[in-house]
Structures are given as structure tokens and as C-alpha cells.
Amino acid sequence: MTADLVVVGCGGHGREVYGIARAVNAAAAAPRWRLVGFVDDDPSAENLVRVKRLGAEYLGSCAWLADAPPGIQYVVGVGHPRVRAALAGQIERYGWPAAILVHPAATVGDDTALDGGVVLAAGARITTNVVLGRHAHVGQNATVGHDTVVEECVSIHPLAAVSGECHLGRAALIGTTAAVLQRLRVGAEAVVGAGACVVRDVPAGVTVKGVPAR
């Protein structure tokens, strides 16, 4: 059954998310999504041109969703975890369900739970007994190991590796090519810099970088 989908955010990440939805359609026997268009409160002129080149429509600000036609689903295509959390909180008041997008080139193991708004890019690898909370995003070729909990609005950037039995707090960010070693916790809104190797727990709100991450 085809459902209507609106992407929140005209920027680069939003257009990548749009591409994931198109890839899902291309791999299916029948289209899963009818791509209605984009909403964005402050799109740049350049991004509006890029949206148009995709053959997509800019619908207006996020308030468009307040009076959207019945049956709409949405996905927040914004890379920054805290901004994504704020937008999701605003849009959830309108009552529309958040879509789950899994690129056909991603893999999801057994006994794994994906909540509304989760986005898995091409090459993402989710193993077994993993929980991905609402609006968590896993980038291209990133991995999440067994028995890990990823709370809502977490961003795991491309090529990052999260080991087994880890816990990533709400709106945490794991940078490109970063590694989080086994059984560690990364607190809410913490940032793990690109290329960092986390060898001990990261407190909430703290930014760490380097090898080992400090």
C-alpha cells in the first residue's frame, strides 16, 4: 500500500533522506511512498533550486503539516540531533505518524526494534537485539552492534562503529568514522568527534575527540 510522505528539511540531509525513500520505491514491487514534497521553515534559495531539480515540490513551512490532507506521514531530514528533536516535537503535535525509512542496501538483524522516524542509510548495519528510538538516524556504512540501545534523535554519522551493549543517550551525535567501544555509554546531547575512539563513558552534554577520546 502506498502512503503519502513529506520530508521536513530542504537541506542536504533532507534531500538524502528523500533519496532513501526513492530507493525504497525502486526496490519494491509497488511504490511504498508517494513523495508529496518538502517543508522547511527557512529554506535557502540554493536548496529550493536543488529540490526543484529532484522533481520535488516545496510545500511551505512546517506549519503546512498542521492542515495536511489525511493519511500524511513525515520524516525529519535534519542532521543535527537537537534541531531534529525540536522539529519532531513541534510536528508530533499535529498528530501525523513518523515514517520509518530503511534503504534497501541497509541490513537489520533479528530481534531489533525501530521506532517511528528512524532512518537507515545505504550500507547501515544493525545487528541483533538493537533498539533504535524515535527519529534516530544511522548514516551510510555505519554499524551498530548487538544489544545496543540508541535513544531518540541520535545521529550516527557515516562509517561510525558502535560496538555491542552500548547505550547512546537522547540526541547524542557520533561523528564520521568514530568508534564507541563495547559496553560504553554516551550521554544525552553528547558529541563524539569525527575519528574519535571512545574508551570510557561520555557524560551528557560533553564533546570528546581524539584517540583515545577526551
N, C-alpha and C. Protein backbone atom coordinates (compact mmCIF):
# COMPACT_ATOMS: atom_id res chain seq x y z
N MET A 1 0.84 -1.20 0.00
CA MET A 1 0.00 0.00 0.00
C MET A 1 0.88 1.25 0.00
N THR A 2 0.55 2.20 -0.86
CA THR A 2 1.34 3.43 -0.96
C THR A 2 0.83 4.46 0.05
N ALA A 3 1.78 5.12 0.75
CA ALA A 3 1.42 6.16 1.71
C ALA A 3 2.07 7.47 1.30
N ASP A 4 1.44 8.57 1.68
CA ASP A 4 1.97 9.90 1.37
C ASP A 4 3.07 10.27 2.37
N LEU A 5 4.17 10.80 1.86
CA LEU A 5 5.32 11.13 2.70
C LEU A 5 5.78 12.55 2.44
N VAL A 6 5.99 13.30 3.52
CA VAL A 6 6.55 14.64 3.47
C VAL A 6 7.90 14.62 4.19
N VAL A 7 8.91 15.20 3.57
CA VAL A 7 10.24 15.32 4.18
C VAL A 7 10.37 16.71 4.80
N VAL A 8 10.76 16.75 6.05
CA VAL A 8 10.96 18.01 6.77
C VAL A 8 12.43 18.40 6.64
N GLY A 9 12.69 19.48 5.91
CA GLY A 9 14.06 19.95 5.72
C GLY A 9 14.51 19.83 4.28
N CYS A 10 14.85 20.97 3.67
CA CYS A 10 15.29 21.01 2.27
C CYS A 10 16.80 20.93 2.11
N GLY A 11 17.54 20.88 3.21
CA GLY A 11 18.99 20.86 3.14
C GLY A 11 19.53 19.55 2.62
N GLY A 12 20.85 19.42 2.69
CA GLY A 12 21.49 18.23 2.13
C GLY A 12 21.01 16.94 2.77
N HIS A 13 20.87 16.93 4.08
CA HIS A 13 20.43 15.71 4.75
C HIS A 13 18.99 15.36 4.36
N GLY A 14 18.15 16.38 4.28
CA GLY A 14 16.77 16.14 3.87
C GLY A 14 16.69 15.56 2.47
N ARG A 15 17.52 16.05 1.57
CA ARG A 15 17.49 15.52 0.21
C ARG A 15 18.08 14.11 0.15
N GLU A 16 19.03 13.79 1.03
CA GLU A 16 19.50 12.41 1.12
C GLU A 16 18.38 11.48 1.62
N VAL A 17 17.62 11.95 2.61
CA VAL A 17 16.50 11.16 3.11
C VAL A 17 15.46 10.94 2.01
N TYR A 18 15.20 11.97 1.25
CA TYR A 18 14.30 11.85 0.09
C TYR A 18 14.82 10.76 -0.86
N GLY A 19 16.13 10.74 -1.08
CA GLY A 19 16.73 9.71 -1.93
C GLY A 19 16.55 8.31 -1.38
N ILE A 20 16.57 8.16 -0.05
CA ILE A 20 16.33 6.85 0.55
C ILE A 20 14.90 6.40 0.26
N ALA A 21 13.94 7.31 0.40
CA ALA A 21 12.56 6.96 0.10
C ALA A 21 12.41 6.54 -1.36
N ARG A 22 13.09 7.23 -2.26
CA ARG A 22 13.03 6.86 -3.68
C ARG A 22 13.66 5.49 -3.90
N ALA A 23 14.75 5.20 -3.19
CA ALA A 23 15.39 3.89 -3.33
C ALA A 23 14.47 2.78 -2.82
N VAL A 24 13.74 3.03 -1.74
CA VAL A 24 12.76 2.06 -1.24
C VAL A 24 11.72 1.78 -2.32
N ASN A 25 11.22 2.83 -2.95
CA ASN A 25 10.23 2.65 -4.02
C ASN A 25 10.79 1.84 -5.18
N ALA A 26 12.04 2.16 -5.56
CA ALA A 26 12.64 1.49 -6.71
C ALA A 26 12.83 -0.01 -6.47
N ALA A 27 13.06 -0.39 -5.22
CA ALA A 27 13.33 -1.80 -4.90
C ALA A 27 12.06 -2.61 -4.66
N ALA A 28 10.92 -1.94 -4.52
CA ALA A 28 9.68 -2.62 -4.17
C ALA A 28 8.89 -3.02 -5.42
N ALA A 29 8.07 -4.05 -5.28
CA ALA A 29 7.21 -4.45 -6.39
C ALA A 29 6.21 -3.36 -6.74
N ALA A 30 5.75 -2.62 -5.71
CA ALA A 30 4.88 -1.48 -5.89
C ALA A 30 5.40 -0.35 -5.01
N PRO A 31 5.28 0.91 -5.43
CA PRO A 31 5.83 2.02 -4.64
C PRO A 31 5.29 2.03 -3.22
N ARG A 32 6.18 2.18 -2.26
CA ARG A 32 5.79 2.26 -0.84
C ARG A 32 5.35 3.68 -0.49
N TRP A 33 5.99 4.68 -1.13
CA TRP A 33 5.76 6.07 -0.77
C TRP A 33 5.36 6.91 -1.97
N ARG A 34 4.38 7.78 -1.77
CA ARG A 34 4.12 8.86 -2.71
C ARG A 34 4.77 10.10 -2.11
N LEU A 35 5.79 10.61 -2.78
CA LEU A 35 6.60 11.68 -2.23
C LEU A 35 5.91 13.01 -2.52
N VAL A 36 5.24 13.52 -1.49
CA VAL A 36 4.42 14.73 -1.65
C VAL A 36 5.30 15.95 -1.81
N GLY A 37 6.39 16.05 -1.06
CA GLY A 37 7.29 17.18 -1.16
C GLY A 37 8.01 17.46 0.14
N PHE A 38 8.57 18.68 0.21
CA PHE A 38 9.37 19.12 1.35
C PHE A 38 8.68 20.27 2.07
N VAL A 39 8.86 20.32 3.39
CA VAL A 39 8.53 21.52 4.16
C VAL A 39 9.80 21.99 4.86
N ASP A 40 9.90 23.30 5.04
CA ASP A 40 11.09 23.88 5.66
C ASP A 40 10.74 25.30 6.07
N ASP A 41 11.08 25.66 7.31
CA ASP A 41 10.74 27.00 7.80
C ASP A 41 11.60 28.10 7.21
N ASP A 42 12.80 27.77 6.78
CA ASP A 42 13.70 28.81 6.27
C ASP A 42 14.64 28.24 5.21
N PRO A 43 14.10 27.79 4.08
CA PRO A 43 14.97 27.19 3.07
C PRO A 43 15.79 28.24 2.34
N SER A 44 17.02 27.91 2.01
CA SER A 44 17.82 28.83 1.20
C SER A 44 17.36 28.76 -0.25
N ALA A 45 17.62 29.84 -0.98
CA ALA A 45 17.27 29.85 -2.41
C ALA A 45 17.98 28.72 -3.14
N GLU A 46 19.23 28.46 -2.74
CA GLU A 46 20.00 27.41 -3.39
C GLU A 46 19.37 26.04 -3.17
N ASN A 47 18.92 25.78 -1.95
CA ASN A 47 18.30 24.48 -1.67
C ASN A 47 16.95 24.33 -2.35
N LEU A 48 16.21 25.42 -2.52
CA LEU A 48 14.96 25.34 -3.26
C LEU A 48 15.21 24.96 -4.71
N VAL A 49 16.27 25.48 -5.29
CA VAL A 49 16.64 25.09 -6.66
C VAL A 49 17.00 23.61 -6.70
N ARG A 50 17.73 23.14 -5.70
CA ARG A 50 18.12 21.72 -5.66
C ARG A 50 16.91 20.81 -5.50
N VAL A 51 15.95 21.23 -4.69
CA VAL A 51 14.71 20.45 -4.54
C VAL A 51 13.97 20.37 -5.88
N LYS A 52 13.93 21.49 -6.57
CA LYS A 52 13.24 21.52 -7.87
C LYS A 52 13.92 20.61 -8.86
N ARG A 53 15.26 20.56 -8.82
CA ARG A 53 15.99 19.67 -9.74
C ARG A 53 15.68 18.21 -9.49
N LEU A 54 15.28 17.87 -8.27
CA LEU A 54 14.88 16.50 -7.95
C LEU A 54 13.50 16.17 -8.51
N GLY A 55 12.81 17.18 -9.00
CA GLY A 55 11.44 16.98 -9.45
C GLY A 55 10.46 16.99 -8.29
N ALA A 56 10.90 17.53 -7.15
CA ALA A 56 10.07 17.56 -5.95
C ALA A 56 9.48 18.95 -5.75
N GLU A 57 8.50 19.03 -4.86
CA GLU A 57 7.80 20.28 -4.61
C GLU A 57 8.13 20.79 -3.22
N TYR A 58 8.36 22.11 -3.12
CA TYR A 58 8.45 22.77 -1.82
C TYR A 58 7.04 23.19 -1.42
N LEU A 59 6.56 22.68 -0.30
CA LEU A 59 5.17 22.87 0.11
C LEU A 59 4.96 24.10 0.97
N GLY A 60 6.02 24.56 1.64
CA GLY A 60 5.91 25.70 2.54
C GLY A 60 6.58 25.40 3.86
N SER A 61 6.24 26.15 4.89
CA SER A 61 6.84 25.96 6.21
C SER A 61 6.30 24.68 6.86
N CYS A 62 6.87 24.33 8.00
CA CYS A 62 6.43 23.13 8.71
C CYS A 62 4.96 23.24 9.13
N ALA A 63 4.46 24.46 9.24
CA ALA A 63 3.05 24.64 9.59
C ALA A 63 2.11 24.07 8.54
N TRP A 64 2.63 23.82 7.32
CA TRP A 64 1.81 23.17 6.28
C TRP A 64 1.23 21.87 6.80
N LEU A 65 1.98 21.19 7.66
CA LEU A 65 1.54 19.90 8.18
C LEU A 65 0.35 20.01 9.14
N ALA A 66 0.12 21.20 9.67
CA ALA A 66 -0.99 21.36 10.60
C ALA A 66 -2.33 21.09 9.93
N ASP A 67 -2.43 21.42 8.64
CA ASP A 67 -3.69 21.23 7.90
C ASP A 67 -3.48 20.32 6.70
N ALA A 68 -2.56 19.39 6.81
CA ALA A 68 -2.26 18.49 5.69
C ALA A 68 -3.43 17.56 5.41
N PRO A 69 -3.50 17.04 4.18
CA PRO A 69 -4.57 16.09 3.86
C PRO A 69 -4.45 14.82 4.70
N PRO A 70 -5.54 14.10 4.87
CA PRO A 70 -5.50 12.86 5.67
C PRO A 70 -4.49 11.85 5.10
N GLY A 71 -3.89 11.08 6.01
CA GLY A 71 -3.01 10.00 5.59
C GLY A 71 -1.55 10.36 5.43
N ILE A 72 -1.19 11.59 5.74
CA ILE A 72 0.21 12.03 5.60
C ILE A 72 1.08 11.35 6.66
N GLN A 73 2.29 10.94 6.24
CA GLN A 73 3.36 10.60 7.16
C GLN A 73 4.52 11.55 6.91
N TYR A 74 5.41 11.66 7.88
CA TYR A 74 6.53 12.59 7.72
C TYR A 74 7.81 11.95 8.22
N VAL A 75 8.93 12.51 7.75
CA VAL A 75 10.24 12.12 8.26
C VAL A 75 11.07 13.39 8.36
N VAL A 76 11.81 13.54 9.46
CA VAL A 76 12.60 14.76 9.68
C VAL A 76 13.98 14.56 9.07
N GLY A 77 14.24 15.25 7.98
CA GLY A 77 15.51 15.13 7.28
C GLY A 77 16.48 16.23 7.68
N VAL A 78 16.78 16.29 8.96
CA VAL A 78 17.70 17.30 9.52
C VAL A 78 18.79 16.56 10.27
N GLY A 79 20.04 16.89 9.97
CA GLY A 79 21.16 16.13 10.52
C GLY A 79 21.46 16.40 11.98
N HIS A 80 21.28 17.63 12.44
CA HIS A 80 21.66 17.98 13.81
C HIS A 80 20.64 17.38 14.79
N PRO A 81 21.09 16.58 15.76
CA PRO A 81 20.14 15.88 16.62
C PRO A 81 19.20 16.79 17.41
N ARG A 82 19.72 17.87 17.97
CA ARG A 82 18.86 18.72 18.80
C ARG A 82 17.84 19.47 17.95
N VAL A 83 18.25 19.90 16.76
CA VAL A 83 17.31 20.57 15.86
C VAL A 83 16.24 19.58 15.41
N ARG A 84 16.66 18.35 15.11
CA ARG A 84 15.70 17.31 14.71
C ARG A 84 14.71 17.03 15.84
N ALA A 85 15.21 16.98 17.07
CA ALA A 85 14.32 16.74 18.22
C ALA A 85 13.30 17.86 18.37
N ALA A 86 13.74 19.10 18.20
CA ALA A 86 12.82 20.23 18.34
C ALA A 86 11.75 20.20 17.26
N LEU A 87 12.15 19.92 16.02
CA LEU A 87 11.18 19.86 14.93
C LEU A 87 10.20 18.70 15.12
N ALA A 88 10.73 17.55 15.54
CA ALA A 88 9.86 16.40 15.76
C ALA A 88 8.83 16.70 16.85
N GLY A 89 9.26 17.39 17.91
CA GLY A 89 8.33 17.75 18.97
C GLY A 89 7.23 18.66 18.48
N GLN A 90 7.60 19.61 17.60
CA GLN A 90 6.60 20.51 17.02
C GLN A 90 5.60 19.75 16.15
N ILE A 91 6.12 18.88 15.29
CA ILE A 91 5.27 18.21 14.31
C ILE A 91 4.41 17.13 14.96
N GLU A 92 4.90 16.50 16.01
CA GLU A 92 4.12 15.47 16.69
C GLU A 92 2.80 16.02 17.23
N ARG A 93 2.76 17.32 17.51
CA ARG A 93 1.51 17.93 17.99
C ARG A 93 0.42 17.91 16.92
N TYR A 94 0.82 17.79 15.66
CA TYR A 94 -0.17 17.75 14.58
C TYR A 94 -0.81 16.36 14.43
N GLY A 95 -0.20 15.36 15.05
CA GLY A 95 -0.82 14.04 15.10
C GLY A 95 -0.48 13.10 13.96
N TRP A 96 0.43 13.48 13.07
CA TRP A 96 0.78 12.59 11.96
C TRP A 96 1.82 11.56 12.40
N PRO A 97 1.76 10.34 11.89
CA PRO A 97 2.77 9.34 12.23
C PRO A 97 4.10 9.61 11.54
N ALA A 98 5.17 9.27 12.22
CA ALA A 98 6.52 9.40 11.64
C ALA A 98 6.87 8.12 10.89
N ALA A 99 7.33 8.28 9.67
CA ALA A 99 7.68 7.14 8.83
C ALA A 99 9.01 6.53 9.26
N ILE A 100 9.19 5.25 8.96
CA ILE A 100 10.47 4.56 9.11
C ILE A 100 11.02 4.31 7.71
N LEU A 101 12.25 4.75 7.45
CA LEU A 101 12.88 4.58 6.14
C LEU A 101 14.14 3.74 6.29
N VAL A 102 14.16 2.60 5.63
CA VAL A 102 15.32 1.71 5.63
C VAL A 102 15.76 1.51 4.19
N HIS A 103 16.92 2.01 3.86
CA HIS A 103 17.44 1.86 2.49
C HIS A 103 17.55 0.38 2.17
N PRO A 104 17.22 -0.03 0.94
CA PRO A 104 17.32 -1.45 0.59
C PRO A 104 18.72 -2.02 0.70
N ALA A 105 19.74 -1.16 0.73
CA ALA A 105 21.11 -1.64 0.90
C ALA A 105 21.56 -1.62 2.35
N ALA A 106 20.65 -1.33 3.29
CA ALA A 106 20.94 -1.47 4.72
C ALA A 106 20.52 -2.86 5.19
N THR A 107 21.07 -3.31 6.32
CA THR A 107 20.66 -4.60 6.87
C THR A 107 20.25 -4.43 8.33
N VAL A 108 19.18 -5.12 8.69
CA VAL A 108 18.65 -5.07 10.06
C VAL A 108 18.53 -6.50 10.56
N GLY A 109 19.20 -6.80 11.67
CA GLY A 109 19.21 -8.15 12.21
C GLY A 109 17.96 -8.51 12.97
N ASP A 110 17.94 -9.74 13.47
CA ASP A 110 16.80 -10.25 14.22
C ASP A 110 16.66 -9.55 15.58
N ASP A 111 15.44 -9.57 16.09
CA ASP A 111 15.16 -9.09 17.44
C ASP A 111 15.57 -7.63 17.61
N THR A 112 15.26 -6.83 16.59
CA THR A 112 15.64 -5.42 16.57
C THR A 112 14.39 -4.57 16.43
N ALA A 113 14.31 -3.45 17.16
CA ALA A 113 13.14 -2.60 17.16
C ALA A 113 13.48 -1.22 16.60
N LEU A 114 12.70 -0.79 15.60
CA LEU A 114 12.86 0.53 15.00
C LEU A 114 11.61 1.34 15.30
N ASP A 115 11.76 2.48 15.95
CA ASP A 115 10.62 3.31 16.28
C ASP A 115 10.36 4.31 15.15
N GLY A 116 9.24 5.02 15.24
CA GLY A 116 8.86 5.95 14.19
C GLY A 116 9.92 7.02 13.95
N GLY A 117 10.13 7.35 12.69
CA GLY A 117 11.08 8.39 12.32
C GLY A 117 12.50 7.91 12.12
N VAL A 118 12.77 6.62 12.39
CA VAL A 118 14.13 6.08 12.19
C VAL A 118 14.47 6.10 10.70
N VAL A 119 15.71 6.48 10.40
CA VAL A 119 16.23 6.48 9.03
C VAL A 119 17.54 5.70 9.01
N LEU A 120 17.62 4.70 8.15
CA LEU A 120 18.85 3.94 7.93
C LEU A 120 19.30 4.14 6.51
N ALA A 121 20.50 4.69 6.34
CA ALA A 121 21.05 4.97 5.01
C ALA A 121 21.65 3.71 4.40
N ALA A 122 22.04 3.82 3.14
CA ALA A 122 22.65 2.70 2.43
C ALA A 122 23.89 2.21 3.17
N GLY A 123 23.99 0.90 3.33
CA GLY A 123 25.16 0.30 3.97
C GLY A 123 25.12 0.29 5.48
N ALA A 124 24.10 0.88 6.09
CA ALA A 124 23.99 0.80 7.55
C ALA A 124 23.80 -0.65 7.96
N ARG A 125 24.44 -1.05 9.04
CA ARG A 125 24.38 -2.44 9.51
C ARG A 125 23.94 -2.44 10.97
N ILE A 126 22.75 -2.96 11.21
CA ILE A 126 22.21 -3.09 12.56
C ILE A 126 22.15 -4.58 12.86
N THR A 127 22.77 -5.03 13.94
CA THR A 127 22.93 -6.48 14.14
C THR A 127 21.72 -7.08 14.87
N THR A 128 21.84 -7.45 16.12
CA THR A 128 20.74 -8.16 16.79
C THR A 128 20.45 -7.55 18.16
N ASN A 129 19.16 -7.61 18.55
CA ASN A 129 18.70 -7.05 19.82
C ASN A 129 19.16 -5.60 19.99
N VAL A 130 18.88 -4.80 18.97
CA VAL A 130 19.19 -3.37 18.98
C VAL A 130 17.86 -2.61 19.03
N VAL A 131 17.83 -1.56 19.84
CA VAL A 131 16.67 -0.68 19.90
C VAL A 131 17.07 0.68 19.34
N LEU A 132 16.34 1.14 18.33
CA LEU A 132 16.55 2.47 17.75
C LEU A 132 15.33 3.32 18.06
N GLY A 133 15.53 4.37 18.86
CA GLY A 133 14.42 5.21 19.29
C GLY A 133 13.92 6.15 18.20
N ARG A 134 12.87 6.86 18.51
CA ARG A 134 12.23 7.74 17.53
C ARG A 134 13.21 8.73 16.93
N HIS A 135 13.16 8.83 15.60
CA HIS A 135 13.93 9.83 14.84
C HIS A 135 15.44 9.64 14.96
N ALA A 136 15.88 8.44 15.32
CA ALA A 136 17.32 8.14 15.28
C ALA A 136 17.73 7.92 13.82
N HIS A 137 18.89 8.46 13.46
CA HIS A 137 19.39 8.32 12.09
C HIS A 137 20.75 7.63 12.11
N VAL A 138 20.91 6.64 11.22
CA VAL A 138 22.18 5.92 11.08
C VAL A 138 22.66 6.14 9.66
N GLY A 139 23.86 6.72 9.52
CA GLY A 139 24.38 7.13 8.22
C GLY A 139 24.97 6.00 7.41
N GLN A 140 25.43 6.35 6.22
CA GLN A 140 25.96 5.37 5.27
C GLN A 140 27.12 4.59 5.88
N ASN A 141 27.01 3.25 5.77
CA ASN A 141 28.08 2.33 6.16
C ASN A 141 28.47 2.43 7.63
N ALA A 142 27.55 2.91 8.46
CA ALA A 142 27.77 2.89 9.91
C ALA A 142 27.25 1.57 10.47
N THR A 143 27.79 1.16 11.62
CA THR A 143 27.40 -0.12 12.22
C THR A 143 26.97 0.08 13.67
N VAL A 144 25.97 -0.70 14.07
CA VAL A 144 25.51 -0.69 15.46
C VAL A 144 25.49 -2.13 15.92
N GLY A 145 26.26 -2.44 16.97
CA GLY A 145 26.44 -3.81 17.43
C GLY A 145 25.31 -4.31 18.32
N HIS A 146 25.40 -5.57 18.64
CA HIS A 146 24.37 -6.30 19.38
C HIS A 146 24.04 -5.66 20.72
N ASP A 147 22.77 -5.78 21.11
CA ASP A 147 22.31 -5.42 22.46
C ASP A 147 22.54 -3.96 22.81
N THR A 148 22.49 -3.11 21.80
CA THR A 148 22.72 -1.68 21.98
C THR A 148 21.40 -0.93 21.99
N VAL A 149 21.31 0.10 22.81
CA VAL A 149 20.15 0.98 22.85
C VAL A 149 20.56 2.35 22.30
N VAL A 150 19.84 2.79 21.28
CA VAL A 150 20.05 4.11 20.67
C VAL A 150 18.79 4.91 20.96
N GLU A 151 18.88 5.90 21.81
CA GLU A 151 17.70 6.66 22.19
C GLU A 151 17.26 7.60 21.07
N GLU A 152 16.16 8.31 21.31
CA GLU A 152 15.55 9.12 20.26
C GLU A 152 16.47 10.25 19.80
N CYS A 153 16.38 10.54 18.50
CA CYS A 153 17.05 11.68 17.85
C CYS A 153 18.57 11.58 17.85
N VAL A 154 19.12 10.41 18.09
CA VAL A 154 20.57 10.22 17.96
C VAL A 154 20.96 10.25 16.49
N SER A 155 22.13 10.82 16.20
CA SER A 155 22.72 10.78 14.86
C SER A 155 24.01 9.97 14.91
N ILE A 156 24.07 8.92 14.10
CA ILE A 156 25.30 8.14 13.93
C ILE A 156 25.77 8.39 12.50
N HIS A 157 26.87 9.09 12.37
CA HIS A 157 27.30 9.56 11.07
C HIS A 157 27.98 8.46 10.26
N PRO A 158 28.19 8.69 8.96
CA PRO A 158 28.75 7.64 8.10
C PRO A 158 30.05 7.04 8.63
N LEU A 159 30.13 5.72 8.47
CA LEU A 159 31.33 4.93 8.80
C LEU A 159 31.64 4.86 10.29
N ALA A 160 30.75 5.36 11.13
CA ALA A 160 30.95 5.21 12.58
C ALA A 160 30.66 3.77 12.98
N ALA A 161 31.31 3.32 14.07
CA ALA A 161 31.12 1.95 14.56
C ALA A 161 30.76 2.00 16.04
N VAL A 162 29.56 1.57 16.36
CA VAL A 162 29.11 1.47 17.74
C VAL A 162 29.13 0.00 18.11
N SER A 163 29.91 -0.35 19.12
CA SER A 163 30.08 -1.76 19.50
C SER A 163 28.87 -2.27 20.27
N GLY A 164 28.92 -3.55 20.63
CA GLY A 164 27.82 -4.19 21.34
C GLY A 164 27.63 -3.68 22.75
N GLU A 165 26.37 -3.76 23.22
CA GLU A 165 25.99 -3.44 24.59
C GLU A 165 26.28 -2.00 24.98
N CYS A 166 26.20 -1.10 23.99
CA CYS A 166 26.38 0.33 24.27
C CYS A 166 25.02 0.99 24.50
N HIS A 167 25.06 2.20 25.02
CA HIS A 167 23.85 2.98 25.23
C HIS A 167 24.14 4.42 24.81
N LEU A 168 23.39 4.89 23.80
CA LEU A 168 23.56 6.26 23.31
C LEU A 168 22.36 7.08 23.74
N GLY A 169 22.61 8.13 24.51
CA GLY A 169 21.54 8.93 25.08
C GLY A 169 20.88 9.84 24.05
N ARG A 170 19.75 10.37 24.44
CA ARG A 170 18.91 11.19 23.56
C ARG A 170 19.71 12.31 22.89
N ALA A 171 19.58 12.41 21.58
CA ALA A 171 20.16 13.49 20.78
C ALA A 171 21.69 13.52 20.83
N ALA A 172 22.31 12.40 21.15
CA ALA A 172 23.76 12.31 21.04
C ALA A 172 24.17 12.26 19.57
N LEU A 173 25.40 12.65 19.30
CA LEU A 173 25.93 12.63 17.93
C LEU A 173 27.24 11.86 17.92
N ILE A 174 27.32 10.86 17.05
CA ILE A 174 28.54 10.07 16.87
C ILE A 174 29.10 10.45 15.50
N GLY A 175 30.28 11.07 15.48
CA GLY A 175 30.83 11.64 14.26
C GLY A 175 31.33 10.60 13.26
N THR A 176 31.58 11.07 12.06
CA THR A 176 32.04 10.22 10.97
C THR A 176 33.31 9.47 11.37
N THR A 177 33.35 8.18 11.12
CA THR A 177 34.45 7.23 11.38
C THR A 177 34.78 7.08 12.88
N ALA A 178 33.97 7.63 13.75
CA ALA A 178 34.22 7.46 15.19
C ALA A 178 33.90 6.02 15.61
N ALA A 179 34.50 5.60 16.73
CA ALA A 179 34.23 4.27 17.28
C ALA A 179 33.86 4.41 18.75
N VAL A 180 32.82 3.66 19.15
CA VAL A 180 32.43 3.57 20.56
C VAL A 180 32.62 2.12 20.97
N LEU A 181 33.51 1.89 21.93
CA LEU A 181 33.87 0.52 22.29
C LEU A 181 32.80 -0.12 23.17
N GLN A 182 32.94 -1.43 23.34
CA GLN A 182 31.94 -2.30 23.97
C GLN A 182 31.50 -1.81 25.35
N ARG A 183 30.17 -1.85 25.57
CA ARG A 183 29.52 -1.64 26.87
C ARG A 183 29.65 -0.20 27.40
N LEU A 184 29.89 0.75 26.53
CA LEU A 184 30.04 2.13 26.97
C LEU A 184 28.76 2.92 26.78
N ARG A 185 28.65 4.01 27.54
CA ARG A 185 27.50 4.91 27.46
C ARG A 185 27.95 6.27 26.96
N VAL A 186 27.17 6.82 26.04
CA VAL A 186 27.36 8.20 25.58
C VAL A 186 26.11 8.95 26.01
N GLY A 187 26.29 9.99 26.83
CA GLY A 187 25.15 10.66 27.43
C GLY A 187 24.34 11.50 26.47
N ALA A 188 23.19 11.94 26.93
CA ALA A 188 22.29 12.76 26.13
C ALA A 188 22.99 14.02 25.65
N GLU A 189 22.80 14.33 24.36
CA GLU A 189 23.32 15.53 23.71
C GLU A 189 24.85 15.62 23.74
N ALA A 190 25.52 14.51 24.03
CA ALA A 190 26.98 14.48 23.92
C ALA A 190 27.37 14.40 22.45
N VAL A 191 28.59 14.83 22.15
CA VAL A 191 29.12 14.79 20.79
C VAL A 191 30.44 14.04 20.79
N VAL A 192 30.52 13.01 19.94
CA VAL A 192 31.77 12.28 19.73
C VAL A 192 32.31 12.74 18.39
N GLY A 193 33.47 13.39 18.40
CA GLY A 193 34.02 13.98 17.19
C GLY A 193 34.40 12.95 16.14
N ALA A 194 34.51 13.43 14.91
CA ALA A 194 34.88 12.56 13.80
C ALA A 194 36.22 11.90 14.07
N GLY A 195 36.29 10.59 13.84
CA GLY A 195 37.53 9.85 14.00
C GLY A 195 37.91 9.52 15.43
N ALA A 196 37.09 9.90 16.40
CA ALA A 196 37.42 9.65 17.80
C ALA A 196 37.21 8.18 18.16
N CYS A 197 37.93 7.73 19.18
CA CYS A 197 37.75 6.37 19.71
C CYS A 197 37.36 6.49 21.18
N VAL A 198 36.12 6.17 21.48
CA VAL A 198 35.60 6.31 22.84
C VAL A 198 35.97 5.06 23.64
N VAL A 199 36.72 5.24 24.72
CA VAL A 199 37.19 4.12 25.54
C VAL A 199 36.64 4.17 26.95
N ARG A 200 35.88 5.22 27.28
CA ARG A 200 35.21 5.32 28.58
C ARG A 200 33.91 6.07 28.38
N ASP A 201 33.01 5.97 29.35
CA ASP A 201 31.71 6.63 29.24
C ASP A 201 31.88 8.13 28.99
N VAL A 202 30.95 8.68 28.20
CA VAL A 202 30.94 10.12 27.90
C VAL A 202 29.74 10.74 28.61
N PRO A 203 29.97 11.70 29.50
CA PRO A 203 28.84 12.31 30.22
C PRO A 203 27.92 13.09 29.28
N ALA A 204 26.70 13.32 29.72
CA ALA A 204 25.74 14.09 28.96
C ALA A 204 26.27 15.49 28.66
N GLY A 205 26.02 15.95 27.44
CA GLY A 205 26.35 17.32 27.05
C GLY A 205 27.81 17.60 26.79
N VAL A 206 28.67 16.59 26.86
CA VAL A 206 30.12 16.77 26.71
C VAL A 206 30.53 16.45 25.28
N THR A 207 31.51 17.19 24.76
CA THR A 207 32.10 16.90 23.46
C THR A 207 33.46 16.26 23.67
N VAL A 208 33.71 15.12 23.02
CA VAL A 208 35.01 14.46 23.11
C VAL A 208 35.56 14.25 21.71
N LYS A 209 36.89 14.21 21.61
CA LYS A 209 37.52 13.97 20.33
C LYS A 209 38.89 13.37 20.56
N GLY A 210 39.45 12.78 19.51
CA GLY A 210 40.80 12.21 19.57
C GLY A 210 40.81 10.73 19.85
N VAL A 211 42.05 10.18 19.89
CA VAL A 211 42.27 8.75 20.13
C VAL A 211 43.30 8.62 21.25
N PRO A 212 42.91 8.18 22.44
CA PRO A 212 41.52 7.92 22.87
C PRO A 212 40.75 9.24 23.01
N ALA A 213 39.43 9.16 22.98
CA ALA A 213 38.60 10.37 23.04
C ALA A 213 38.70 11.00 24.40
N ARG A 214 38.91 12.31 24.40
CA ARG A 214 38.96 13.08 25.65
C ARG A 214 38.10 14.33 25.49
